[in-house]
Amino acid sequence: SASVYKADNYNDADPEYRVRHWDKSG
């Protein structure tokens, strides 16, 4: 599975998102 969050250091001028990907083992 995967979930998308705003990155901790998000900046409107250079937007960055954090994608967390879980493998089969969790």
PDB file of all heavy atoms in Angstrom:
ATOM      1  N   SER A   1       0.844  -1.195   0.000  1.00  0.00           N
ATOM      2  CA  SER A   1       0.000   0.000   0.000  1.00  0.00           C
ATOM      3  C   SER A   1       0.876   1.240   0.000  1.00  0.00           C
ATOM      4  O   SER A   1       2.091   1.165   0.229  1.00  0.00           O
ATOM      5  CB  SER A   1      -0.934   0.006   1.217  1.00  0.00           C
ATOM      6  OG  SER A   1      -0.175   0.005   2.423  1.00  0.00           O
ATOM      7  N   ALA A   2       0.262   2.386  -0.258  1.00  0.00           N
ATOM      8  CA  ALA A   2       0.996   3.652  -0.262  1.00  0.00           C
ATOM      9  C   ALA A   2       0.069   4.770   0.173  1.00  0.00           C
ATOM     10  O   ALA A   2      -1.130   4.739  -0.110  1.00  0.00           O
ATOM     11  CB  ALA A   2       1.567   3.942  -1.650  1.00  0.00           C
ATOM     12  N   SER A   3       0.639   5.744   0.877  1.00  0.00           N
ATOM     13  CA  SER A   3      -0.107   6.929   1.286  1.00  0.00           C
ATOM     14  C   SER A   3       0.726   8.165   0.971  1.00  0.00           C
ATOM     15  O   SER A   3       1.959   8.125   1.016  1.00  0.00           O
ATOM     16  CB  SER A   3      -0.426   6.896   2.784  1.00  0.00           C
ATOM     17  OG  SER A   3      -1.266   5.811   3.106  1.00  0.00           O
ATOM     18  N   VAL A   4       0.053   9.262   0.654  1.00  0.00           N
ATOM     19  CA  VAL A   4       0.719  10.503   0.273  1.00  0.00           C
ATOM     20  C   VAL A   4       0.460  11.570   1.329  1.00  0.00           C
ATOM     21  O   VAL A   4      -0.691  11.807   1.724  1.00  0.00           O
ATOM     22  CB  VAL A   4       0.223  11.001  -1.098  1.00  0.00           C
ATOM     23  CG1 VAL A   4       0.913  12.310  -1.475  1.00  0.00           C
ATOM     24  CG2 VAL A   4       0.468   9.947  -2.169  1.00  0.00           C
ATOM     25  N   TYR A   5       1.532  12.196   1.789  1.00  0.00           N
ATOM     26  CA  TYR A   5       1.464  13.271   2.782  1.00  0.00           C
ATOM     27  C   TYR A   5       2.244  14.470   2.247  1.00  0.00           C
ATOM     28  O   TYR A   5       3.111  14.326   1.384  1.00  0.00           O
ATOM     29  CB  TYR A   5       2.115  12.853   4.106  1.00  0.00           C
ATOM     30  CG  TYR A   5       1.612  11.566   4.702  1.00  0.00           C
ATOM     31  CD1 TYR A   5       2.129  10.335   4.293  1.00  0.00           C
ATOM     32  CD2 TYR A   5       0.645  11.577   5.702  1.00  0.00           C
ATOM     33  CE1 TYR A   5       1.671   9.149   4.848  1.00  0.00           C
ATOM     34  CE2 TYR A   5       0.185  10.391   6.271  1.00  0.00           C
ATOM     35  CZ  TYR A   5       0.707   9.181   5.838  1.00  0.00           C
ATOM     36  OH  TYR A   5       0.263   8.010   6.383  1.00  0.00           O
ATOM     37  N   LYS A   6       1.970  15.645   2.785  1.00  0.00           N
ATOM     38  CA  LYS A   6       2.869  16.768   2.535  1.00  0.00           C
ATOM     39  C   LYS A   6       4.178  16.499   3.258  1.00  0.00           C
ATOM     40  O   LYS A   6       4.184  15.985   4.378  1.00  0.00           O
ATOM     41  CB  LYS A   6       2.261  18.080   3.042  1.00  0.00           C
ATOM     42  CG  LYS A   6       1.281  18.725   2.086  1.00  0.00           C
ATOM     43  CD  LYS A   6       0.913  20.129   2.543  1.00  0.00           C
ATOM     44  CE  LYS A   6       0.013  20.811   1.518  1.00  0.00           C
ATOM     45  NZ  LYS A   6      -0.324  22.201   1.926  1.00  0.00           N
ATOM     46  N   ALA A   7       5.290  16.840   2.621  1.00  0.00           N
ATOM     47  CA  ALA A   7       6.589  16.657   3.253  1.00  0.00           C
ATOM     48  C   ALA A   7       6.708  17.573   4.468  1.00  0.00           C
ATOM     49  O   ALA A   7       6.066  18.631   4.535  1.00  0.00           O
ATOM     50  CB  ALA A   7       7.706  16.951   2.254  1.00  0.00           C
ATOM     51  N   ASP A   8       7.520  17.164   5.432  1.00  0.00           N
ATOM     52  CA  ASP A   8       7.689  17.946   6.658  1.00  0.00           C
ATOM     53  C   ASP A   8       8.212  19.344   6.361  1.00  0.00           C
ATOM     54  O   ASP A   8       7.860  20.301   7.049  1.00  0.00           O
ATOM     55  CB  ASP A   8       8.640  17.218   7.616  1.00  0.00           C
ATOM     56  CG  ASP A   8       8.069  15.887   8.110  1.00  0.00           C
ATOM     57  OD1 ASP A   8       6.827  15.750   8.102  1.00  0.00           O
ATOM     58  OD2 ASP A   8       8.855  15.011   8.490  1.00  0.00           O
ATOM     59  N   ASN A   9       9.052  19.463   5.356  1.00  0.00           N
ATOM     60  CA  ASN A   9       9.640  20.768   5.007  1.00  0.00           C
ATOM     61  C   ASN A   9       8.959  21.374   3.783  1.00  0.00           C
ATOM     62  O   ASN A   9       9.602  22.021   2.951  1.00  0.00           O
ATOM     63  CB  ASN A   9      11.138  20.618   4.747  1.00  0.00           C
ATOM     64  CG  ASN A   9      11.434  19.602   3.635  1.00  0.00           C
ATOM     65  OD1 ASN A   9      10.559  18.824   3.252  1.00  0.00           O
ATOM     66  ND2 ASN A   9      12.652  19.633   3.111  1.00  0.00           N
ATOM     67  N   TYR A  10       7.645  21.168   3.661  1.00  0.00           N
ATOM     68  CA  TYR A  10       6.900  21.610   2.484  1.00  0.00           C
ATOM     69  C   TYR A  10       7.081  23.103   2.248  1.00  0.00           C
ATOM     70  O   TYR A  10       7.006  23.919   3.170  1.00  0.00           O
ATOM     71  CB  TYR A  10       5.417  21.290   2.655  1.00  0.00           C
ATOM     72  CG  TYR A  10       4.586  21.649   1.447  1.00  0.00           C
ATOM     73  CD1 TYR A  10       4.461  20.768   0.380  1.00  0.00           C
ATOM     74  CD2 TYR A  10       3.944  22.880   1.369  1.00  0.00           C
ATOM     75  CE1 TYR A  10       3.719  21.093  -0.741  1.00  0.00           C
ATOM     76  CE2 TYR A  10       3.191  23.213   0.254  1.00  0.00           C
ATOM     77  CZ  TYR A  10       3.081  22.323  -0.793  1.00  0.00           C
ATOM     78  OH  TYR A  10       2.352  22.650  -1.899  1.00  0.00           O
ATOM     79  N   ASN A  11       7.294  23.444   0.970  1.00  0.00           N
ATOM     80  CA  ASN A  11       7.512  24.825   0.562  1.00  0.00           C
ATOM     81  C   ASN A  11       6.703  25.071  -0.698  1.00  0.00           C
ATOM     82  O   ASN A  11       6.879  24.373  -1.701  1.00  0.00           O
ATOM     83  CB  ASN A  11       9.007  25.070   0.311  1.00  0.00           C
ATOM     84  CG  ASN A  11       9.306  26.496  -0.109  1.00  0.00           C
ATOM     85  OD1 ASN A  11       8.408  27.301  -0.348  1.00  0.00           O
ATOM     86  ND2 ASN A  11      10.593  26.814  -0.211  1.00  0.00           N
ATOM     87  N   ASP A  12       5.808  26.060  -0.674  1.00  0.00           N
ATOM     88  CA  ASP A  12       4.951  26.337  -1.834  1.00  0.00           C
ATOM     89  C   ASP A  12       5.765  26.636  -3.089  1.00  0.00           C
ATOM     90  O   ASP A  12       5.320  26.342  -4.208  1.00  0.00           O
ATOM     91  CB  ASP A  12       4.028  27.518  -1.542  1.00  0.00           C
ATOM     92  CG  ASP A  12       2.865  27.134  -0.629  1.00  0.00           C
ATOM     93  OD1 ASP A  12       2.441  25.963  -0.679  1.00  0.00           O
ATOM     94  OD2 ASP A  12       2.400  27.997   0.135  1.00  0.00           O
ATOM     95  N   ALA A  13       6.930  27.226  -2.909  1.00  0.00           N
ATOM     96  CA  ALA A  13       7.747  27.583  -4.063  1.00  0.00           C
ATOM     97  C   ALA A  13       8.377  26.361  -4.723  1.00  0.00           C
ATOM     98  O   ALA A  13       8.690  26.388  -5.913  1.00  0.00           O
ATOM     99  CB  ALA A  13       8.838  28.568  -3.641  1.00  0.00           C
ATOM    100  N   ASP A  14       8.568  25.305  -3.965  1.00  0.00           N
ATOM    101  CA  ASP A  14       9.146  24.065  -4.489  1.00  0.00           C
ATOM    102  C   ASP A  14       8.464  22.897  -3.781  1.00  0.00           C
ATOM    103  O   ASP A  14       9.045  22.246  -2.922  1.00  0.00           O
ATOM    104  CB  ASP A  14      10.656  24.040  -4.237  1.00  0.00           C
ATOM    105  CG  ASP A  14      11.330  22.857  -4.912  1.00  0.00           C
ATOM    106  OD1 ASP A  14      10.707  22.223  -5.788  1.00  0.00           O
ATOM    107  OD2 ASP A  14      12.493  22.555  -4.555  1.00  0.00           O
ATOM    108  N   PRO A  15       7.195  22.652  -4.138  1.00  0.00           N
ATOM    109  CA  PRO A  15       6.376  21.688  -3.386  1.00  0.00           C
ATOM    110  C   PRO A  15       6.950  20.277  -3.400  1.00  0.00           C
ATOM    111  O   PRO A  15       7.445  19.805  -4.422  1.00  0.00           O
ATOM    112  CB  PRO A  15       5.021  21.741  -4.098  1.00  0.00           C
ATOM    113  CG  PRO A  15       5.326  22.274  -5.463  1.00  0.00           C
ATOM    114  CD  PRO A  15       6.479  23.215  -5.288  1.00  0.00           C
ATOM    115  N   GLU A  16       6.866  19.637  -2.238  1.00  0.00           N
ATOM    116  CA  GLU A  16       7.392  18.285  -2.083  1.00  0.00           C
ATOM    117  C   GLU A  16       6.417  17.473  -1.252  1.00  0.00           C
ATOM    118  O   GLU A  16       5.951  17.920  -0.188  1.00  0.00           O
ATOM    119  CB  GLU A  16       8.752  18.354  -1.385  1.00  0.00           C
ATOM    120  CG  GLU A  16       9.552  17.077  -1.424  1.00  0.00           C
ATOM    121  CD  GLU A  16      10.984  17.308  -0.953  1.00  0.00           C
ATOM    122  OE1 GLU A  16      11.632  18.251  -1.442  1.00  0.00           O
ATOM    123  OE2 GLU A  16      11.433  16.531  -0.096  1.00  0.00           O
ATOM    124  N   TYR A  17       6.082  16.302  -1.735  1.00  0.00           N
ATOM    125  CA  TYR A  17       5.192  15.395  -1.019  1.00  0.00           C
ATOM    126  C   TYR A  17       5.984  14.161  -0.598  1.00  0.00           C
ATOM    127  O   TYR A  17       6.923  13.744  -1.279  1.00  0.00           O
ATOM    128  CB  TYR A  17       4.011  14.970  -1.905  1.00  0.00           C
ATOM    129  CG  TYR A  17       2.844  15.934  -1.918  1.00  0.00           C
ATOM    130  CD1 TYR A  17       2.963  17.231  -1.443  1.00  0.00           C
ATOM    131  CD2 TYR A  17       1.613  15.544  -2.431  1.00  0.00           C
ATOM    132  CE1 TYR A  17       1.895  18.108  -1.459  1.00  0.00           C
ATOM    133  CE2 TYR A  17       0.526  16.412  -2.458  1.00  0.00           C
ATOM    134  CZ  TYR A  17       0.678  17.694  -1.976  1.00  0.00           C
ATOM    135  OH  TYR A  17      -0.387  18.552  -1.992  1.00  0.00           O
ATOM    136  N   ARG A  18       5.579  13.585   0.518  1.00  0.00           N
ATOM    137  CA  ARG A  18       6.195  12.358   1.006  1.00  0.00           C
ATOM    138  C   ARG A  18       5.265  11.193   0.713  1.00  0.00           C
ATOM    139  O   ARG A  18       4.101  11.198   1.110  1.00  0.00           O
ATOM    140  CB  ARG A  18       6.462  12.460   2.518  1.00  0.00           C
ATOM    141  CG  ARG A  18       6.925  11.162   3.164  1.00  0.00           C
ATOM    142  CD  ARG A  18       7.449  11.421   4.574  1.00  0.00           C
ATOM    143  NE  ARG A  18       6.505  12.168   5.392  1.00  0.00           N
ATOM    144  CZ  ARG A  18       5.546  11.610   6.134  1.00  0.00           C
ATOM    145  NH1 ARG A  18       5.397  10.288   6.147  1.00  0.00           N
ATOM    146  NH2 ARG A  18       4.738  12.357   6.864  1.00  0.00           N
ATOM    147  N   VAL A  19       5.788  10.174   0.024  1.00  0.00           N
ATOM    148  CA  VAL A  19       5.019   8.975  -0.280  1.00  0.00           C
ATOM    149  C   VAL A  19       5.561   7.836   0.576  1.00  0.00           C
ATOM    150  O   VAL A  19       6.742   7.493   0.488  1.00  0.00           O
ATOM    151  CB  VAL A  19       5.104   8.595  -1.772  1.00  0.00           C
ATOM    152  CG1 VAL A  19       4.242   7.364  -2.052  1.00  0.00           C
ATOM    153  CG2 VAL A  19       4.666   9.762  -2.651  1.00  0.00           C
ATOM    154  N   ARG A  20       4.712   7.293   1.409  1.00  0.00           N
ATOM    155  CA  ARG A  20       5.103   6.160   2.259  1.00  0.00           C
ATOM    156  C   ARG A  20       4.567   4.873   1.638  1.00  0.00           C
ATOM    157  O   ARG A  20       3.359   4.746   1.408  1.00  0.00           O
ATOM    158  CB  ARG A  20       4.574   6.337   3.675  1.00  0.00           C
ATOM    159  CG  ARG A  20       4.843   5.150   4.599  1.00  0.00           C
ATOM    160  CD  ARG A  20       4.659   5.530   6.064  1.00  0.00           C
ATOM    161  NE  ARG A  20       5.707   6.453   6.486  1.00  0.00           N
ATOM    162  CZ  ARG A  20       5.828   6.917   7.736  1.00  0.00           C
ATOM    163  NH1 ARG A  20       4.961   6.545   8.662  1.00  0.00           N
ATOM    164  NH2 ARG A  20       6.802   7.756   8.045  1.00  0.00           N
ATOM    165  N   HIS A  21       5.468   3.940   1.362  1.00  0.00           N
ATOM    166  CA  HIS A  21       5.092   2.681   0.724  1.00  0.00           C
ATOM    167  C   HIS A  21       5.328   1.522   1.677  1.00  0.00           C
ATOM    168  O   HIS A  21       6.442   1.342   2.182  1.00  0.00           O
ATOM    169  CB  HIS A  21       5.896   2.476  -0.562  1.00  0.00           C
ATOM    170  CG  HIS A  21       5.607   1.189  -1.256  1.00  0.00           C
ATOM    171  ND1 HIS A  21       6.552   0.193  -1.424  1.00  0.00           N
ATOM    172  CD2 HIS A  21       4.472   0.711  -1.809  1.00  0.00           C
ATOM    173  CE1 HIS A  21       6.015  -0.828  -2.048  1.00  0.00           C
ATOM    174  NE2 HIS A  21       4.747  -0.538  -2.302  1.00  0.00           N
ATOM    175  N   TRP A  22       4.279   0.755   1.958  1.00  0.00           N
ATOM    176  CA  TRP A  22       4.366  -0.425   2.811  1.00  0.00           C
ATOM    177  C   TRP A  22       4.560  -1.663   1.944  1.00  0.00           C
ATOM    178  O   TRP A  22       3.830  -1.858   0.964  1.00  0.00           O
ATOM    179  CB  TRP A  22       3.093  -0.590   3.632  1.00  0.00           C
ATOM    180  CG  TRP A  22       2.967   0.347   4.785  1.00  0.00           C
ATOM    181  CD1 TRP A  22       3.305   0.114   6.097  1.00  0.00           C
ATOM    182  CD2 TRP A  22       2.423   1.681   4.762  1.00  0.00           C
ATOM    183  NE1 TRP A  22       3.026   1.220   6.868  1.00  0.00           N
ATOM    184  CE2 TRP A  22       2.484   2.192   6.082  1.00  0.00           C
ATOM    185  CE3 TRP A  22       1.906   2.496   3.743  1.00  0.00           C
ATOM    186  CZ2 TRP A  22       2.038   3.468   6.416  1.00  0.00           C
ATOM    187  CZ3 TRP A  22       1.471   3.759   4.062  1.00  0.00           C
ATOM    188  CH2 TRP A  22       1.547   4.234   5.389  1.00  0.00           C
ATOM    189  N   ASP A  23       5.528  -2.524   2.311  1.00  0.00           N
ATOM    190  CA  ASP A  23       5.707  -3.766   1.575  1.00  0.00           C
ATOM    191  C   ASP A  23       4.808  -4.856   2.151  1.00  0.00           C
ATOM    192  O   ASP A  23       3.993  -4.603   3.052  1.00  0.00           O
ATOM    193  CB  ASP A  23       7.175  -4.204   1.567  1.00  0.00           C
ATOM    194  CG  ASP A  23       7.737  -4.497   2.965  1.00  0.00           C
ATOM    195  OD1 ASP A  23       6.944  -4.780   3.897  1.00  0.00           O
ATOM    196  OD2 ASP A  23       8.972  -4.468   3.121  1.00  0.00           O
ATOM    197  N   LYS A  24       4.938  -6.063   1.645  1.00  0.00           N
ATOM    198  CA  LYS A  24       4.069  -7.163   2.058  1.00  0.00           C
ATOM    199  C   LYS A  24       4.239  -7.513   3.531  1.00  0.00           C
ATOM    200  O   LYS A  24       3.314  -8.052   4.159  1.00  0.00           O
ATOM    201  CB  LYS A  24       4.352  -8.400   1.202  1.00  0.00           C
ATOM    202  CG  LYS A  24       4.041  -8.217  -0.267  1.00  0.00           C
ATOM    203  CD  LYS A  24       4.446  -9.452  -1.067  1.00  0.00           C
ATOM    204  CE  LYS A  24       4.231  -9.246  -2.549  1.00  0.00           C
ATOM    205  NZ  LYS A  24       4.667 -10.413  -3.348  1.00  0.00           N
ATOM    206  N   SER A  25       5.408  -7.204   4.084  1.00  0.00           N
ATOM    207  CA  SER A  25       5.681  -7.524   5.492  1.00  0.00           C
ATOM    208  C   SER A  25       5.210  -6.431   6.439  1.00  0.00           C
ATOM    209  O   SER A  25       5.294  -6.587   7.655  1.00  0.00           O
ATOM    210  CB  SER A  25       7.184  -7.765   5.687  1.00  0.00           C
ATOM    211  OG  SER A  25       7.640  -8.826   4.879  1.00  0.00           O
ATOM    212  N   GLY A  26       4.739  -5.320   5.878  1.00  0.00           N
ATOM    213  CA  GLY A  26       4.286  -4.212   6.707  1.00  0.00           C
ATOM    214  C   GLY A  26       5.366  -3.193   6.988  1.00  0.00           C
ATOM    215  O   GLY A  26       5.122  -2.198   7.682  1.00  0.00           O
TER     216      GLY A  26
END
